[in-house]
Amino acid sequence: MSSIDSPAQHQTLAILVGVDLGLPHFDQELEELGLLAQTAGMQVAARITCKRRAPDAALFIGSGKADEIKLLAQMHGATEVLFDQSLSPAQQRNLERHMELPVNDRTLLILTIFAQRARSHEGKLQVELARLQYLTTRLVRRWSHLERQSGGIGMRGGPGEKQIELDRRMLGESIKRTKERLQKVVRQRSTQRRQRNRRDTYTISLVGYTNAGKSTLFNALVKARAYAADQLFATLDTTTRQLYLGEAGRSVSLSDTVGFIRDLPHGLIDAFRATLQEAADADLLLHVVDASNPNFPEQMAEVQNVLREIGAADVPQLLVFNKLDMMDAERQPLQLQDTMEVDGLQVPRIFVSAQKGTGLPALRLQLAEMAKAALNESPEIIEADVRLGTIE
């Protein structure tokens, strides 16, 4: 099965490949992979899917399907093959030899987008760390051109081993340096959070699946100019602003964080832990959901998975079902505020359109009520901290 898109000049033409292994979230149309490819600056030439009970150890898809993809690439002039699943280094190397084309997977595609989008010093460091960690497993592939060399007197090990070991050591040193630099960022963020806590600031973090409209909502609430676009991973760097809530008579701290996505590479979760710590340390998570997307339950589940990984599963949430203006007529809610069960708990939910402004006054009121309730719960702790000199 394949669908052809008209190619554009000066862009990498890619064949998209998806393998249905019986998992519930399989994207039959490869829509998300196509959006990722376009976000990375590629043009989709064709899409092809197949079913397997389990991945082939050598080629992931088997030799027959690999031949079919090779012919499809030749037919459309494609210059790269992209898999919707993660490939092992051996599978990637074997596929490239079989198809005589560069073969990459979802993990590298996401890394590429993050590298293109990172703007802050911290974001660039985090992406670099994830890229280096990914490369350490791909060293054999990089030095496959040395395989025809034969050993001689005084040579030990297999072909190209010395160069591989040299690269591995260089990568290890680069990873160590990058981690040390990131640790400084973690300490700086920790200091900033302690200062906010001393000022008795209520902190709110926006979380959600990528392209759910978090940055648009952030801009609408705080009148900021954070970059927002209808694309995956439009924002990578955390932006924090003060949001004044008149109903509560105080300001709160609002942070916009990186969007989540299905099968977000673990290396990226580890690398972005300093950024994602904003969510783990928040008093409230605004879980922004694209209400117009029919797959929103699966997207919500992925966000919950990442929140568990970063230790933010127990932070109170407010569900913000965004893009109300784009919902089909038959799916419009009967009321704009209710509750929804998430992981066995009833969580308050509100429907809004960040683009049109619908529901934002009600959202601000809800935030004010939650902030007042949370801050009024712990006056004894605040007074104790004042006596100890921890609050200025």
Protein backbone atom coordinates (compact mmCIF):
# COMPACT_ATOMS: atom_id res chain seq x y z
CA MET A 1 0.00 0.00 0.00
CA SER A 2 1.44 3.37 -0.91
CA SER A 3 0.37 6.91 -1.55
CA ILE A 4 2.35 9.36 -3.63
CA ASP A 5 2.86 13.06 -2.88
CA SER A 6 4.22 15.47 -5.47
CA PRO A 7 7.93 16.03 -4.84
CA ALA A 8 9.46 19.42 -4.11
CA GLN A 9 12.83 20.56 -5.33
CA HIS A 10 15.88 20.70 -3.05
CA GLN A 11 14.30 18.42 -0.44
CA THR A 12 15.13 14.89 0.63
CA LEU A 13 12.59 12.51 -0.90
CA ALA A 14 11.68 9.86 1.65
CA ILE A 15 9.79 6.57 1.66
CA LEU A 16 7.83 6.13 4.91
CA VAL A 17 7.62 2.60 6.31
CA GLY A 18 5.36 1.39 9.11
CA VAL A 19 5.21 -2.12 10.55
CA ASP A 20 2.02 -3.22 12.30
CA LEU A 21 3.14 -5.48 15.14
CA GLY A 22 -0.33 -5.69 16.64
CA LEU A 23 0.10 -2.75 19.01
CA PRO A 24 -3.01 -0.60 19.62
CA HIS A 25 -1.43 2.75 18.65
CA PHE A 26 -0.30 1.73 15.14
CA ASP A 27 -0.69 4.66 12.74
CA GLN A 28 -2.04 2.95 9.61
CA GLU A 29 -1.76 6.09 7.45
CA LEU A 30 1.67 7.05 8.87
CA GLU A 31 0.24 10.53 9.37
CA GLU A 32 2.41 11.44 12.35
CA LEU A 33 5.60 10.12 10.71
CA GLY A 34 4.73 12.18 7.63
CA LEU A 35 4.34 15.32 9.77
CA LEU A 36 7.66 14.58 11.46
CA ALA A 37 9.36 14.17 8.07
CA GLN A 38 7.89 17.44 6.80
CA THR A 39 8.90 19.22 10.01
CA ALA A 40 12.47 17.99 9.42
CA GLY A 41 12.39 19.49 5.91
CA MET A 42 11.76 16.30 3.93
CA GLN A 43 9.27 15.55 1.17
CA VAL A 44 7.23 12.35 1.41
CA ALA A 45 7.46 10.37 -1.84
CA ALA A 46 5.45 7.31 -0.80
CA ARG A 47 4.14 5.41 2.21
CA ILE A 48 4.08 1.67 2.74
CA THR A 49 2.87 -0.47 5.64
CA CYS A 50 2.99 -4.18 6.40
CA LYS A 51 2.03 -6.61 9.17
CA ARG A 52 4.34 -8.87 11.11
CA ARG A 53 3.96 -10.94 14.26
CA ALA A 54 7.45 -9.93 15.34
CA PRO A 55 10.32 -7.90 13.83
CA ASP A 56 12.80 -9.77 11.64
CA ALA A 57 16.09 -9.99 13.52
CA ALA A 58 18.20 -9.03 10.50
CA LEU A 59 16.04 -6.64 8.43
CA PHE A 60 13.09 -5.84 10.75
CA ILE A 61 10.69 -6.33 7.80
CA GLY A 62 12.07 -9.39 5.98
CA SER A 63 13.88 -9.57 2.63
CA GLY A 64 10.76 -9.65 0.44
CA LYS A 65 9.35 -6.40 1.82
CA ALA A 66 12.83 -4.85 1.71
CA ASP A 67 12.97 -5.63 -2.02
CA GLU A 68 9.54 -4.05 -2.49
CA ILE A 69 10.63 -0.86 -0.71
CA LYS A 70 13.83 -0.71 -2.78
CA LEU A 71 11.80 -0.89 -6.01
CA LEU A 72 9.36 1.73 -4.70
CA ALA A 73 12.26 4.06 -3.90
CA GLN A 74 13.72 3.60 -7.38
CA MET A 75 10.31 4.24 -8.97
CA HIS A 76 9.83 7.58 -7.15
CA GLY A 77 13.45 8.68 -7.03
CA ALA A 78 13.50 8.56 -3.22
CA THR A 79 16.84 9.15 -1.51
CA GLU A 80 16.05 7.96 2.02
CA VAL A 81 13.87 5.43 3.85
CA LEU A 82 12.26 6.32 7.19
CA PHE A 83 10.85 3.74 9.60
CA ASP A 84 8.12 4.59 12.09
CA GLN A 85 9.70 2.26 14.63
CA SER A 86 13.13 2.24 16.24
CA LEU A 87 15.72 0.07 14.47
CA SER A 88 18.67 -1.67 16.06
CA PRO A 89 22.11 -0.67 14.71
CA ALA A 90 22.44 -4.08 12.99
CA GLN A 91 18.99 -3.84 11.37
CA GLN A 92 19.75 -0.32 10.15
CA ARG A 93 23.09 -1.39 8.68
CA ASN A 94 21.60 -4.50 7.00
CA LEU A 95 18.73 -2.52 5.49
CA GLU A 96 21.10 0.08 4.03
CA ARG A 97 23.18 -2.64 2.40
CA HIS A 98 20.07 -4.37 1.05
CA MET A 99 18.36 -1.23 -0.30
CA GLU A 100 21.53 0.71 -1.16
CA LEU A 101 19.95 3.79 0.43
CA PRO A 102 20.28 5.65 3.75
CA VAL A 103 17.84 4.16 6.26
CA ASN A 104 16.83 6.00 9.43
CA ASP A 105 14.23 5.54 12.12
CA ARG A 106 11.76 7.59 14.13
CA THR A 107 14.31 8.19 16.89
CA LEU A 108 16.85 9.89 14.62
CA LEU A 109 14.08 11.89 12.93
CA ILE A 110 12.96 13.33 16.27
CA LEU A 111 16.59 14.04 17.21
CA THR A 112 17.04 15.88 13.90
CA ILE A 113 13.98 18.06 14.54
CA PHE A 114 15.12 18.84 18.06
CA ALA A 115 18.57 19.82 16.76
CA GLN A 116 16.94 22.17 14.22
CA ARG A 117 14.59 23.77 16.75
CA ALA A 118 16.76 24.18 19.87
CA ARG A 119 17.46 27.86 20.47
CA SER A 120 18.67 28.26 24.04
CA HIS A 121 22.08 27.16 25.30
CA GLU A 122 20.35 24.61 27.52
CA GLY A 123 18.25 23.20 24.69
CA LYS A 124 21.26 22.80 22.43
CA LEU A 125 23.18 21.00 25.18
CA GLN A 126 20.28 18.62 25.78
CA VAL A 127 19.93 17.78 22.09
CA GLU A 128 23.68 17.30 21.73
CA LEU A 129 23.72 14.86 24.65
CA ALA A 130 20.87 12.81 23.16
CA ARG A 131 22.57 12.80 19.75
CA LEU A 132 25.89 11.64 21.18
CA GLN A 133 24.20 8.86 23.14
CA TYR A 134 22.40 7.73 19.99
CA LEU A 135 25.66 7.75 17.98
CA THR A 136 27.48 5.51 20.43
CA THR A 137 25.28 2.59 19.32
CA ARG A 138 25.85 3.37 15.62
CA LEU A 139 29.65 3.40 15.47
CA VAL A 140 29.87 0.06 13.66
CA ARG A 141 27.67 1.42 10.89
CA ARG A 142 29.90 4.47 10.45
CA TRP A 143 33.00 2.36 9.89
CA SER A 144 31.58 -0.36 7.65
CA HIS A 145 33.74 1.00 4.80
CA LEU A 146 36.81 -0.48 6.55
CA GLU A 147 35.53 -4.03 6.48
CA ARG A 148 37.50 -4.97 3.36
CA GLN A 149 40.79 -4.20 5.06
CA SER A 150 42.60 -7.31 6.20
CA GLY A 151 44.65 -7.70 9.33
CA GLY A 152 48.43 -7.83 9.17
CA ILE A 153 51.47 -8.19 11.37
CA GLY A 154 51.08 -6.15 14.51
CA MET A 155 47.33 -5.64 13.97
CA ARG A 156 44.86 -6.96 16.51
CA GLY A 157 41.10 -7.39 16.42
CA GLY A 158 38.74 -6.95 13.54
CA PRO A 159 38.83 -4.49 10.65
CA GLY A 160 38.52 -0.87 11.65
CA GLU A 161 38.55 -1.70 15.34
CA LYS A 162 41.18 0.88 16.24
CA GLN A 163 39.21 3.69 14.61
CA ILE A 164 36.00 2.50 16.29
CA GLU A 165 37.67 2.47 19.68
CA LEU A 166 39.09 5.94 19.06
CA ASP A 167 35.64 7.28 18.13
CA ARG A 168 34.03 5.54 21.09
CA ARG A 169 36.52 7.18 23.44
CA MET A 170 35.99 10.60 21.83
CA LEU A 171 32.21 10.22 22.09
CA GLY A 172 32.53 9.14 25.71
CA GLU A 173 34.57 12.23 26.53
CA SER A 174 32.08 14.47 24.69
CA ILE A 175 29.18 12.90 26.59
CA LYS A 176 30.98 13.46 29.90
CA ARG A 177 31.67 17.14 29.09
CA THR A 178 28.10 17.74 27.94
CA LYS A 179 26.67 16.12 31.07
CA GLU A 180 28.88 18.33 33.25
CA ARG A 181 27.68 21.45 31.46
CA LEU A 182 24.07 20.31 31.81
CA GLN A 183 24.58 19.74 35.52
CA LYS A 184 25.38 23.44 35.84
CA VAL A 185 22.07 24.22 34.13
CA VAL A 186 20.25 21.88 36.54
CA ARG A 187 21.81 23.69 39.50
CA GLN A 188 20.85 27.09 38.05
CA ARG A 189 17.24 25.97 37.55
CA SER A 190 17.17 24.52 41.05
CA THR A 191 18.31 27.87 42.44
CA GLN A 192 15.63 29.69 40.45
CA ARG A 193 12.95 27.30 41.75
CA ARG A 194 14.09 27.82 45.34
CA GLN A 195 13.86 31.58 44.85
CA ARG A 196 10.32 31.21 43.50
CA ASN A 197 9.40 29.04 46.50
CA ARG A 198 10.79 31.66 48.88
CA ARG A 199 8.50 34.22 47.28
CA ASP A 200 5.56 31.85 47.90
CA THR A 201 4.90 31.57 44.14
CA TYR A 202 2.31 29.15 42.80
CA THR A 203 3.83 27.42 39.76
CA ILE A 204 1.89 26.06 36.79
CA SER A 205 3.41 24.08 33.90
CA LEU A 206 1.79 23.47 30.54
CA VAL A 207 2.21 19.89 29.36
CA GLY A 208 0.66 17.93 26.52
CA TYR A 209 1.14 16.11 23.26
CA THR A 210 3.03 18.05 20.62
CA ASN A 211 0.86 20.36 18.50
CA ALA A 212 -1.94 20.41 21.08
CA GLY A 213 -1.73 24.21 21.19
CA LYS A 214 0.27 24.74 24.40
CA SER A 215 2.25 27.74 23.13
CA THR A 216 -0.87 29.36 21.66
CA LEU A 217 -2.61 28.98 25.03
CA PHE A 218 0.49 30.28 26.83
CA ASN A 219 0.55 33.38 24.61
CA ALA A 220 -3.18 33.96 25.09
CA LEU A 221 -2.93 33.76 28.88
CA VAL A 222 0.17 35.90 29.48
CA LYS A 223 0.13 38.05 26.32
CA ALA A 224 3.59 36.72 25.45
CA ARG A 225 5.15 36.18 22.04
CA ALA A 226 6.44 32.65 22.39
CA TYR A 227 6.78 30.96 19.00
CA ALA A 228 3.63 29.02 18.10
CA ALA A 229 2.86 27.20 14.85
CA ASP A 230 0.66 24.39 13.58
CA GLN A 231 3.50 21.88 13.48
CA LEU A 232 5.17 19.25 15.63
CA PHE A 233 7.70 20.49 18.21
CA ALA A 234 7.25 24.18 17.42
CA THR A 235 8.63 24.93 20.90
CA LEU A 236 11.54 23.15 22.59
CA ASP A 237 12.83 25.59 25.18
CA THR A 238 10.94 26.25 28.41
CA THR A 239 9.49 29.77 28.66
CA THR A 240 8.30 31.11 32.04
CA ARG A 241 6.17 34.22 32.59
CA GLN A 242 4.15 35.72 35.43
CA LEU A 243 0.39 35.40 35.02
CA TYR A 244 -1.72 37.82 37.08
CA LEU A 245 -5.00 36.32 38.28
CA GLY A 246 -7.26 39.15 39.41
CA GLU A 247 -9.74 36.78 41.01
CA ALA A 248 -6.98 35.49 43.31
CA GLY A 249 -5.39 38.92 43.77
CA ARG A 250 -1.93 37.56 42.97
CA SER A 251 0.41 36.43 40.20
CA VAL A 252 1.39 32.84 39.48
CA SER A 253 4.34 31.45 37.53
CA LEU A 254 3.35 29.86 34.18
CA SER A 255 5.82 27.71 32.17
CA ASP A 256 5.48 26.36 28.64
CA THR A 257 7.39 23.09 28.17
CA VAL A 258 8.37 20.85 25.26
CA GLY A 259 5.59 18.75 23.76
CA PHE A 260 5.48 14.97 24.21
CA ILE A 261 5.02 12.39 21.47
CA ARG A 262 4.50 8.67 21.08
CA ASP A 263 7.72 6.67 21.51
CA LEU A 264 9.68 9.73 22.59
CA PRO A 265 13.28 8.44 22.64
CA HIS A 266 14.44 7.65 26.17
CA GLY A 267 17.68 9.48 25.43
CA LEU A 268 15.67 12.65 24.88
CA ILE A 269 13.72 12.16 28.11
CA ASP A 270 17.00 11.77 29.97
CA ALA A 271 18.62 14.70 28.17
CA PHE A 272 15.61 16.99 28.71
CA ARG A 273 15.21 16.06 32.37
CA ALA A 274 16.38 19.54 33.43
CA THR A 275 13.67 21.15 31.30
CA LEU A 276 11.01 18.60 32.22
CA GLN A 277 11.84 19.11 35.90
CA GLU A 278 9.74 22.27 35.63
CA ALA A 279 6.74 19.97 35.27
CA ALA A 280 7.80 17.62 38.07
CA ASP A 281 8.26 20.54 40.50
CA ALA A 282 5.08 22.42 39.52
CA ASP A 283 2.12 22.92 41.85
CA LEU A 284 -0.29 22.33 38.97
CA LEU A 285 -0.07 20.82 35.48
CA LEU A 286 -2.24 22.25 32.72
CA HIS A 287 -2.57 19.14 30.58
CA VAL A 288 -3.44 20.59 27.16
CA VAL A 289 -5.29 18.18 24.85
CA ASP A 290 -6.14 18.60 21.15
CA ALA A 291 -9.88 17.96 21.48
CA SER A 292 -10.30 17.98 17.68
CA ASN A 293 -7.99 14.99 17.25
CA PRO A 294 -9.91 11.68 17.30
CA ASN A 295 -6.82 9.99 18.76
CA PHE A 296 -6.70 12.24 21.82
CA PRO A 297 -7.15 9.34 24.32
CA GLU A 298 -3.96 7.68 23.03
CA GLN A 299 -2.14 11.03 23.10
CA MET A 300 -3.25 11.64 26.69
CA ALA A 301 -1.98 8.17 27.64
CA GLU A 302 1.44 8.95 26.14
CA VAL A 303 1.65 12.20 28.12
CA GLN A 304 0.79 10.31 31.31
CA ASN A 305 3.55 7.78 30.53
CA VAL A 306 6.17 10.53 30.22
CA LEU A 307 4.91 12.25 33.38
CA ARG A 308 5.40 8.98 35.25
CA GLU A 309 8.94 8.69 33.86
CA ILE A 310 9.95 12.15 35.08
CA GLY A 311 8.29 11.77 38.49
CA ALA A 312 5.39 14.15 37.82
CA ALA A 313 2.53 11.63 37.96
CA ASP A 314 1.33 12.84 41.37
CA VAL A 315 1.24 16.55 40.51
CA PRO A 316 -2.40 17.81 40.40
CA GLN A 317 -3.73 18.32 36.88
CA LEU A 318 -6.32 20.47 35.14
CA LEU A 319 -7.33 19.13 31.72
CA VAL A 320 -7.62 21.85 29.08
CA PHE A 321 -9.35 20.49 25.98
CA ASN A 322 -8.14 22.95 23.35
CA LYS A 323 -9.22 23.62 19.74
CA LEU A 324 -12.93 23.70 20.60
CA ASP A 325 -13.50 25.71 17.41
CA MET A 326 -12.12 22.83 15.30
CA MET A 327 -14.26 20.07 16.81
CA ASP A 328 -16.90 18.43 14.62
CA ALA A 329 -20.47 19.52 15.35
CA GLU A 330 -21.49 16.06 16.60
CA ARG A 331 -18.55 16.02 19.05
CA GLN A 332 -19.19 19.43 20.62
CA PRO A 333 -19.45 19.14 24.44
CA LEU A 334 -22.78 19.68 26.19
CA GLN A 335 -21.02 21.74 28.86
CA LEU A 336 -17.66 23.50 28.84
CA GLN A 337 -16.64 22.44 32.35
CA ASP A 338 -16.84 18.94 33.83
CA THR A 339 -14.55 16.16 35.08
CA MET A 340 -12.87 13.24 33.34
CA GLU A 341 -11.31 10.07 34.72
CA VAL A 342 -7.53 9.89 34.30
CA ASP A 343 -5.64 6.94 35.79
CA GLY A 344 -8.53 6.18 38.13
CA LEU A 345 -8.94 9.78 39.37
CA GLN A 346 -11.59 12.35 38.49
CA VAL A 347 -9.72 15.34 37.04
CA PRO A 348 -11.39 18.73 36.35
CA ARG A 349 -11.72 19.52 32.65
CA ILE A 350 -12.45 22.70 30.73
CA PHE A 351 -12.98 23.21 26.98
CA VAL A 352 -11.33 26.24 25.34
CA SER A 353 -10.17 27.65 22.05
CA ALA A 354 -6.83 29.36 22.63
CA GLN A 355 -6.97 30.68 19.06
CA LYS A 356 -10.43 32.25 19.39
CA GLY A 357 -10.33 33.04 23.10
CA THR A 358 -13.37 30.90 23.92
CA GLY A 359 -13.39 29.64 27.50
CA LEU A 360 -10.28 31.56 28.60
CA PRO A 361 -12.08 33.72 31.23
CA ALA A 362 -13.48 30.54 32.79
CA LEU A 363 -10.00 28.98 32.70
CA ARG A 364 -8.45 31.96 34.48
CA LEU A 365 -11.18 31.78 37.13
CA GLN A 366 -10.53 28.06 37.63
CA LEU A 367 -6.78 28.68 37.96
CA ALA A 368 -7.41 31.43 40.51
CA GLU A 369 -9.61 29.16 42.61
CA MET A 370 -7.06 26.31 42.52
CA ALA A 371 -4.18 28.66 43.38
CA LYS A 372 -6.08 30.19 46.32
CA ALA A 373 -7.07 26.75 47.62
CA ALA A 374 -3.51 25.42 47.39
CA LEU A 375 -1.90 28.46 49.02
CA ASN A 376 -4.45 28.59 51.82
CA GLU A 377 -3.81 24.94 52.68
CA SER A 378 -0.30 25.47 54.06
CA PRO A 379 -0.15 28.76 56.06
CA GLU A 380 1.51 26.94 58.98
CA ILE A 381 4.33 25.71 56.71
CA ILE A 382 4.84 29.21 55.29
CA GLU A 383 4.96 30.75 58.78
CA ALA A 384 7.48 28.12 59.89
CA ASP A 385 9.64 28.87 56.87
CA VAL A 386 9.54 32.58 57.71
CA ARG A 387 10.69 31.88 61.25
CA LEU A 388 13.52 29.76 59.87
CA GLY A 389 14.53 32.55 57.53
CA THR A 390 13.90 30.55 54.33
CA ILE A 391 11.33 32.98 52.94
CA GLU A 392 12.37 36.52 52.15
